[in-house]
Protein backbone atom coordinates (compact mmCIF):
# COMPACT_ATOMS: atom_id res chain seq x y z
CA UNK A 1 49.71 -90.29 -49.97
CA UNK A 2 51.41 -91.12 -53.47
CA UNK A 3 49.88 -88.07 -54.34
CA UNK A 4 51.78 -85.89 -51.31
CA UNK A 5 54.95 -88.26 -52.35
CA UNK A 6 55.04 -87.24 -55.62
CA UNK A 7 55.38 -83.36 -54.59
CA UNK A 8 57.60 -84.35 -51.96
CA UNK A 9 59.98 -85.44 -54.48
CA UNK A 10 59.34 -82.83 -57.03
CA UNK A 11 60.07 -80.11 -54.34
CA UNK A 12 63.16 -81.64 -53.11
CA UNK A 13 64.32 -81.96 -56.95
CA UNK A 14 63.41 -78.28 -57.57
CA UNK A 15 65.33 -76.89 -54.51
CA UNK A 16 68.20 -79.64 -56.07
CA UNK A 17 68.28 -78.02 -59.40
CA UNK A 18 68.35 -74.65 -57.89
CA UNK A 19 71.10 -75.07 -55.88
CA UNK A 20 72.96 -76.37 -58.83
CA UNK A 21 72.22 -73.58 -61.03
CA UNK A 22 73.39 -71.07 -58.57
CA UNK A 23 70.30 -68.52 -58.61
CA UNK A 24 70.25 -67.35 -55.38
CA UNK A 25 72.34 -64.13 -55.64
CA UNK A 26 72.43 -63.54 -51.82
CA UNK A 27 73.66 -67.16 -51.05
CA UNK A 28 76.39 -68.49 -53.59
CA UNK A 29 79.99 -66.75 -53.41
CA UNK A 30 82.30 -67.69 -56.21
CA UNK A 31 86.21 -67.26 -55.14
CA UNK A 32 88.77 -67.39 -58.01
CA UNK A 33 92.24 -68.55 -57.92
CA UNK A 34 95.59 -66.39 -58.16
CA UNK A 35 97.48 -69.40 -60.13
CA UNK A 36 94.78 -71.55 -61.72
CA UNK A 37 91.22 -70.81 -63.58
CA UNK A 38 89.38 -73.19 -61.02
CA UNK A 39 86.58 -71.46 -58.99
CA UNK A 40 85.66 -72.23 -55.71
CA UNK A 41 82.01 -71.77 -55.41
CA UNK A 42 80.90 -71.36 -51.17
CA UNK A 43 77.38 -71.73 -49.76
CA UNK A 44 77.22 -69.02 -47.36
CA UNK A 45 74.30 -70.29 -45.68
CA UNK A 46 75.88 -73.26 -44.67
CA UNK A 47 79.63 -72.09 -44.48
CA UNK A 48 80.73 -74.64 -46.83
CA UNK A 49 82.39 -75.26 -50.23
CA UNK A 50 80.23 -76.78 -52.51
CA UNK A 51 81.54 -77.10 -55.89
CA UNK A 52 84.59 -76.37 -58.10
CA UNK A 53 84.22 -74.52 -61.55
CA UNK A 54 86.92 -74.50 -64.53
CA UNK A 55 87.09 -71.24 -66.51
CA UNK A 56 88.85 -70.41 -69.80
CA UNK A 57 91.33 -67.98 -68.37
CA UNK A 58 92.71 -66.66 -64.74
CA UNK A 59 90.06 -63.43 -63.69
CA UNK A 60 91.63 -60.14 -62.95
CA UNK A 61 88.32 -58.93 -62.14
CA UNK A 62 84.52 -61.02 -61.86
CA UNK A 63 80.68 -60.28 -61.66
CA UNK A 64 77.90 -61.92 -60.99
CA UNK A 65 74.48 -61.38 -62.56
CA UNK A 66 71.89 -63.50 -60.04
CA UNK A 67 69.33 -62.59 -62.64
CA UNK A 68 70.55 -63.84 -65.71
CA UNK A 69 72.77 -66.69 -64.07
CA UNK A 70 76.16 -65.32 -65.44
CA UNK A 71 79.13 -64.92 -64.06
CA UNK A 72 81.90 -62.74 -66.26
CA UNK A 73 85.30 -61.98 -65.98
CA UNK A 74 88.22 -60.66 -67.62
CA UNK A 75 91.75 -61.39 -67.50
CA UNK A 76 93.83 -58.23 -67.92
CA UNK A 77 95.64 -59.28 -70.89
CA UNK A 78 93.01 -60.32 -73.51
CA UNK A 79 90.74 -58.04 -75.51
CA UNK A 80 87.71 -60.40 -74.41
CA UNK A 81 85.20 -60.87 -71.87
CA UNK A 82 84.63 -64.39 -70.89
CA UNK A 83 81.15 -65.43 -70.03
CA UNK A 84 80.49 -68.72 -68.18
CA UNK A 85 76.54 -69.56 -68.22
CA UNK A 86 75.92 -70.66 -64.34
CA UNK A 87 72.48 -72.75 -65.56
CA UNK A 88 73.77 -74.18 -68.12
CA UNK A 89 77.54 -74.73 -67.41
CA UNK A 90 78.61 -73.66 -70.85
CA UNK A 91 81.75 -71.38 -71.70
CA UNK A 92 81.36 -68.08 -74.14
CA UNK A 93 83.24 -65.05 -74.59
CA UNK A 94 82.70 -61.71 -76.37
CA UNK A 95 85.55 -59.65 -78.63
CA UNK A 96 86.52 -56.23 -77.80
CA UNK A 97 88.48 -53.60 -79.22
CA UNK A 98 90.55 -53.34 -76.31
CA UNK A 99 91.87 -55.12 -72.95
CA UNK A 100 89.59 -54.18 -70.28
CA UNK A 101 90.76 -53.66 -66.70
CA UNK A 102 87.43 -53.48 -64.75
CA UNK A 103 83.57 -54.61 -64.97
CA UNK A 104 80.55 -53.67 -63.34
CA UNK A 105 77.35 -54.92 -63.58
CA UNK A 106 74.03 -52.68 -63.86
CA UNK A 107 71.59 -53.39 -61.27
CA UNK A 108 68.73 -55.37 -63.26
CA UNK A 109 71.97 -58.23 -64.41
CA UNK A 110 71.80 -57.39 -67.80
CA UNK A 111 74.04 -54.49 -68.73
CA UNK A 112 77.43 -54.52 -67.79
CA UNK A 113 80.11 -51.21 -68.13
CA UNK A 114 83.32 -52.47 -69.30
CA UNK A 115 86.41 -50.00 -68.91
CA UNK A 116 89.71 -50.02 -70.45
CA UNK A 117 92.46 -47.67 -71.35
CA UNK A 118 90.54 -44.25 -72.13
CA UNK A 119 87.40 -45.94 -73.23
CA UNK A 120 84.08 -47.70 -71.93
CA UNK A 121 81.82 -49.50 -73.26
CA UNK A 122 78.21 -51.30 -72.87
CA UNK A 123 77.49 -54.41 -73.50
CA UNK A 124 74.45 -56.97 -72.79
CA UNK A 125 76.67 -60.04 -72.09
CA UNK A 126 73.85 -62.40 -72.74
CA UNK A 127 73.35 -61.42 -76.18
CA UNK A 128 76.93 -60.30 -76.59
CA UNK A 129 75.60 -57.06 -78.05
CA UNK A 130 77.57 -53.82 -77.57
CA UNK A 131 75.20 -51.02 -77.55
CA UNK A 132 77.47 -47.67 -76.82
CA UNK A 133 80.70 -46.33 -75.65
CA UNK A 134 82.45 -43.22 -74.18
CA UNK A 135 86.21 -42.46 -75.40
CA UNK A 136 86.22 -38.86 -73.86
CA UNK A 137 87.68 -40.18 -70.59
CA UNK A 138 91.40 -40.62 -68.99
CA UNK A 139 92.50 -43.87 -67.10
CA UNK A 140 92.68 -44.50 -64.41
CA UNK A 141 88.80 -43.90 -63.74
CA UNK A 142 86.33 -45.77 -61.71
CA UNK A 143 82.66 -46.78 -62.46
CA UNK A 144 79.69 -46.90 -60.17
CA UNK A 145 76.22 -47.11 -60.67
CA UNK A 146 73.45 -45.73 -58.37
CA UNK A 147 71.32 -48.04 -56.52
CA UNK A 148 68.32 -47.19 -58.83
CA UNK A 149 70.52 -48.10 -61.78
CA UNK A 150 69.37 -44.49 -63.30
CA UNK A 151 72.96 -43.05 -63.61
CA UNK A 152 76.60 -44.71 -64.23
CA UNK A 153 79.31 -42.44 -62.12
CA UNK A 154 82.86 -42.32 -63.95
CA UNK A 155 85.44 -40.76 -62.02
CA UNK A 156 89.08 -39.94 -63.36
CA UNK A 157 90.84 -40.50 -60.55
CA UNK A 158 94.09 -37.96 -61.59
CA UNK A 159 91.77 -34.90 -61.29
CA UNK A 160 88.15 -35.82 -59.66
CA UNK A 161 86.43 -34.98 -62.93
CA UNK A 162 83.38 -36.87 -63.44
CA UNK A 163 80.90 -37.88 -66.10
CA UNK A 164 77.64 -38.60 -65.12
CA UNK A 165 75.68 -40.95 -67.64
CA UNK A 166 72.12 -40.68 -67.20
CA UNK A 167 71.46 -44.53 -68.87
CA UNK A 168 67.62 -44.49 -70.24
CA UNK A 169 68.57 -41.17 -72.63
CA UNK A 170 72.55 -41.34 -72.87
CA UNK A 171 72.59 -37.76 -71.12
CA UNK A 172 75.90 -37.06 -70.13
CA UNK A 173 76.78 -34.04 -67.20
CA UNK A 174 80.13 -33.28 -65.71
CA UNK A 175 80.62 -32.64 -62.15
CA UNK A 176 83.72 -31.95 -59.80
CA UNK A 177 84.51 -34.39 -57.17
CA UNK A 178 87.64 -33.44 -54.86
CA UNK A 179 90.94 -32.06 -56.44
CA UNK A 180 93.73 -33.84 -57.51
CA UNK A 181 94.18 -37.31 -57.38
CA UNK A 182 91.33 -38.92 -55.80
CA UNK A 183 90.14 -42.34 -54.94
CA UNK A 184 87.50 -44.46 -56.42
CA UNK A 185 84.02 -42.87 -56.19
CA UNK A 186 81.68 -44.10 -53.64
CA UNK A 187 77.76 -43.64 -53.77
CA UNK A 188 75.28 -43.41 -50.76
CA UNK A 189 72.99 -46.18 -51.34
CA UNK A 190 70.13 -43.69 -51.39
CA UNK A 191 72.00 -42.03 -54.28
CA UNK A 192 72.10 -38.76 -52.77
CA UNK A 193 76.18 -38.41 -52.19
CA UNK A 194 78.55 -38.99 -54.07
CA UNK A 195 82.49 -39.01 -52.50
CA UNK A 196 86.18 -39.47 -52.86
CA UNK A 197 89.30 -39.56 -50.91
CA UNK A 198 91.56 -36.86 -51.84
CA UNK A 199 95.07 -37.60 -51.52
CA UNK A 200 96.84 -34.55 -51.96
CA UNK A 201 94.95 -32.76 -48.64
CA UNK A 202 94.27 -36.04 -46.92
CA UNK A 203 90.71 -35.19 -46.57
CA UNK A 204 87.45 -36.87 -48.02
CA UNK A 205 85.36 -34.81 -50.12
CA UNK A 206 81.62 -35.43 -49.86
CA UNK A 207 78.98 -33.85 -52.80
CA UNK A 208 75.38 -33.44 -52.43
CA UNK A 209 74.58 -34.92 -55.97
CA UNK A 210 70.50 -34.26 -55.57
CA UNK A 211 70.90 -30.18 -54.96
CA UNK A 212 74.78 -30.21 -57.02
CA UNK A 213 76.53 -28.63 -54.18
CA UNK A 214 79.14 -29.21 -51.81
CA UNK A 215 77.72 -31.05 -48.61
CA UNK A 216 81.26 -31.48 -46.41
CA UNK A 217 85.06 -32.01 -46.68
CA UNK A 218 86.42 -33.96 -43.50
CA UNK A 219 90.34 -33.87 -42.92
CA UNK A 220 91.89 -36.99 -41.54
CA UNK A 221 95.55 -36.90 -39.95
CA UNK A 222 97.02 -39.02 -42.83
CA UNK A 223 96.06 -40.46 -46.59
CA UNK A 224 92.69 -41.38 -46.20
CA UNK A 225 91.31 -44.92 -47.44
CA UNK A 226 88.27 -44.82 -50.01
CA UNK A 227 85.26 -43.66 -47.59
CA UNK A 228 82.31 -46.37 -47.03
CA UNK A 229 78.71 -45.55 -46.60
CA UNK A 230 76.34 -47.97 -44.73
CA UNK A 231 73.58 -49.53 -46.73
CA UNK A 232 70.95 -47.50 -44.97
CA UNK A 233 72.53 -44.65 -46.07
CA UNK A 234 72.97 -43.11 -42.37
CA UNK A 235 76.55 -43.40 -41.75
CA UNK A 236 79.74 -42.78 -43.56
CA UNK A 237 82.79 -44.75 -42.29
CA UNK A 238 86.25 -43.05 -43.01
CA UNK A 239 89.78 -44.44 -41.90
CA UNK A 240 93.29 -43.35 -42.92
CA UNK A 241 96.64 -44.68 -43.35
CA UNK A 242 97.94 -44.28 -39.41
CA UNK A 243 94.66 -46.31 -38.36
CA UNK A 244 92.52 -43.11 -37.20
CA UNK A 245 89.24 -42.58 -38.93
CA UNK A 246 85.99 -41.15 -38.10
CA UNK A 247 81.98 -42.04 -38.53
CA UNK A 248 79.85 -39.19 -40.26
CA UNK A 249 76.52 -38.59 -39.99
CA UNK A 250 75.53 -38.45 -43.53
CA UNK A 251 72.63 -36.12 -43.22
CA UNK A 252 74.24 -33.35 -41.41
CA UNK A 253 77.85 -33.91 -42.45
CA UNK A 254 79.26 -33.56 -38.62
CA UNK A 255 81.76 -36.30 -37.20
CA UNK A 256 79.47 -38.31 -34.74
CA UNK A 257 82.52 -40.13 -33.55
CA UNK A 258 86.06 -40.84 -33.85
CA UNK A 259 87.61 -44.52 -34.26
CA UNK A 260 90.76 -45.63 -33.75
CA UNK A 261 91.48 -49.28 -36.16
CA UNK A 262 94.66 -50.84 -37.61
CA UNK A 263 97.23 -48.95 -39.75
CA UNK A 264 97.21 -49.36 -43.32
CA UNK A 265 93.25 -50.21 -43.72
CA UNK A 266 92.46 -52.36 -46.72
CA UNK A 267 88.37 -52.59 -46.56
CA UNK A 268 85.36 -51.12 -44.83
CA UNK A 269 82.49 -52.60 -44.42
CA UNK A 270 79.24 -52.75 -42.38
CA UNK A 271 76.91 -55.18 -40.83
CA UNK A 272 74.18 -56.58 -38.69
CA UNK A 273 71.44 -54.17 -39.77
CA UNK A 274 74.07 -51.52 -40.10
CA UNK A 275 74.85 -50.91 -36.14
CA UNK A 276 78.56 -52.53 -36.38
CA UNK A 277 81.55 -51.08 -38.61
CA UNK A 278 84.35 -53.05 -39.67
CA UNK A 279 87.45 -52.33 -40.85
CA UNK A 280 90.14 -54.96 -41.77
CA UNK A 281 93.67 -53.92 -42.01
CA UNK A 282 97.02 -55.84 -42.23
CA UNK A 283 97.24 -57.45 -39.00
CA UNK A 284 93.62 -56.94 -37.25
CA UNK A 285 89.97 -56.68 -37.88
CA UNK A 286 88.46 -54.05 -36.07
CA UNK A 287 84.95 -53.80 -35.20
CA UNK A 288 83.08 -51.00 -33.54
CA UNK A 289 79.06 -49.69 -32.80
CA UNK A 290 78.40 -46.75 -35.49
CA UNK A 291 76.41 -45.14 -33.25
CA UNK A 292 77.34 -45.84 -29.58
CA UNK A 293 80.98 -43.79 -28.72
CA UNK A 294 82.27 -47.46 -26.88
CA UNK A 295 85.64 -48.98 -27.41
CA UNK A 296 86.48 -51.12 -30.69
CA UNK A 297 87.07 -54.51 -30.23
CA UNK A 298 90.03 -56.09 -31.95
CA UNK A 299 90.47 -59.53 -33.74
CA UNK A 300 94.17 -60.21 -34.58
CA UNK A 301 95.17 -61.83 -38.08
CA UNK A 302 97.75 -63.85 -38.71
CA UNK A 303 97.45 -62.99 -42.48
CA UNK A 304 95.97 -59.92 -44.10
CA UNK A 305 92.52 -60.32 -45.68
CA UNK A 306 92.02 -59.41 -49.47
CA UNK A 307 88.47 -59.32 -50.67
CA UNK A 308 86.03 -58.67 -47.75
CA UNK A 309 82.35 -59.67 -48.64
CA UNK A 310 79.41 -59.17 -45.93
CA UNK A 311 76.90 -61.16 -46.96
CA UNK A 312 73.20 -59.66 -47.84
CA UNK A 313 71.52 -60.20 -44.53
CA UNK A 314 74.31 -58.52 -42.76
CA UNK A 315 74.79 -61.17 -40.47
CA UNK A 316 78.09 -62.51 -41.37
CA UNK A 317 81.44 -61.87 -43.12
CA UNK A 318 83.76 -63.89 -45.49
CA UNK A 319 87.17 -62.75 -46.89
CA UNK A 320 89.77 -64.34 -48.90
CA UNK A 321 93.27 -64.41 -46.92
CA UNK A 322 96.88 -63.83 -48.11
CA UNK A 323 98.97 -66.41 -48.08
CA UNK A 324 96.46 -68.79 -47.14
CA UNK A 325 94.17 -71.33 -48.93
CA UNK A 326 91.32 -71.04 -46.62
CA UNK A 327 88.60 -68.25 -46.09
CA UNK A 328 88.11 -66.15 -43.05
CA UNK A 329 84.63 -66.31 -41.19
CA UNK A 330 83.34 -63.88 -38.86
CA UNK A 331 79.81 -63.78 -37.16
CA UNK A 332 78.92 -59.84 -36.96
CA UNK A 333 75.83 -60.82 -34.50
CA UNK A 334 77.55 -63.03 -32.47
CA UNK A 335 80.95 -61.11 -32.58
CA UNK A 336 82.79 -64.39 -32.94
CA UNK A 337 85.45 -65.90 -35.33
CA UNK A 338 83.91 -68.87 -37.25
CA UNK A 339 85.44 -72.02 -38.62
CA UNK A 340 87.59 -71.24 -41.72
CA UNK A 341 86.13 -72.82 -45.11
CA UNK A 342 88.91 -74.37 -47.08
CA UNK A 343 88.32 -73.30 -50.70
CA UNK A 344 90.74 -76.19 -52.49
CA UNK A 345 92.22 -73.28 -54.22
CA UNK A 346 96.02 -72.60 -54.40
CA UNK A 347 95.27 -68.76 -53.34
CA UNK A 348 92.27 -67.70 -53.06
CA UNK A 349 92.02 -64.31 -54.46
CA UNK A 350 88.45 -62.37 -55.55
CA UNK A 351 85.23 -62.84 -53.96
CA UNK A 352 81.86 -61.95 -55.65
CA UNK A 353 78.32 -62.47 -55.20
CA UNK A 354 75.22 -61.83 -57.01
CA UNK A 355 73.87 -59.37 -53.83
CA UNK A 356 75.94 -58.64 -50.80
CA UNK A 357 75.26 -55.92 -48.20
CA UNK A 358 77.93 -53.57 -49.68
CA UNK A 359 75.82 -51.01 -52.01
CA UNK A 360 77.21 -48.64 -54.36
CA UNK A 361 80.65 -49.42 -53.30
């Protein structure tokens, strides 16, 4: 009996320690504040706030490595990478030669790409080690690792010029993704397609990266939003400023259905095992069946959503809200709004997790 009691207590203590370390990237969400260095920790399994962390600066961007238990962030004005060890609860920083404006973790959780004005460096935050840099690029540019972590795609947003940096041998290849001013690059999770919104022509350009050829150009009636690909790489969701959009078959390049969403869309997502498309706009959350041409459902919003995250099991959506201290929560599977989560922050801003349902976006 004592043996079983000991094992039970040991199991409980281990679970508590793991919970305290926030090692499950699919469970813990970290929410920053626009006005303070406080970060709220949200348990997305139980839909509740569980902790408040104090950082050394107000984050303009954050990223999480659940593999190395690190929360890294930048403040947009200091030539530093800030590092918070989630296991040890200690602060660190790494000096840089420029003020960074974007950070992206490699899929191994150990390598981090850091972008700034016309420059990009690669570092290992845990070791605080810089191991490569790229300087022949022009800002603004977007960064996106493919799902396997073999390549980093760097797209200049004034021209569509894209540098593909192959990590294992540092080989560099140039391709053209779109013309004129373009959005941030989106990759399909299977790494086959790369795509951008083309702002000068109100269209979305899609390239087959495997055979290095044009795949499709989809015209839209107004300024397009950055395209989104479902996590199963089967469908592409498009939306434009006037609220008109489309679902495109990622294998044929054909439009499968048209969609009507709220004007000025802010976030495109998918969920519930990739059968449901979701578009957040200023006044509404539009939910629709990706494969079936059925009417869209509209959930009215009292305030616009800012950062929108669908958790890795694809069942629940969490979002920060403009002029609100709470998180918006929506059950995708049951198609119902859930009780808001109070964060304790003056204005929740960014929300990051180690693992989400959004891949290569």
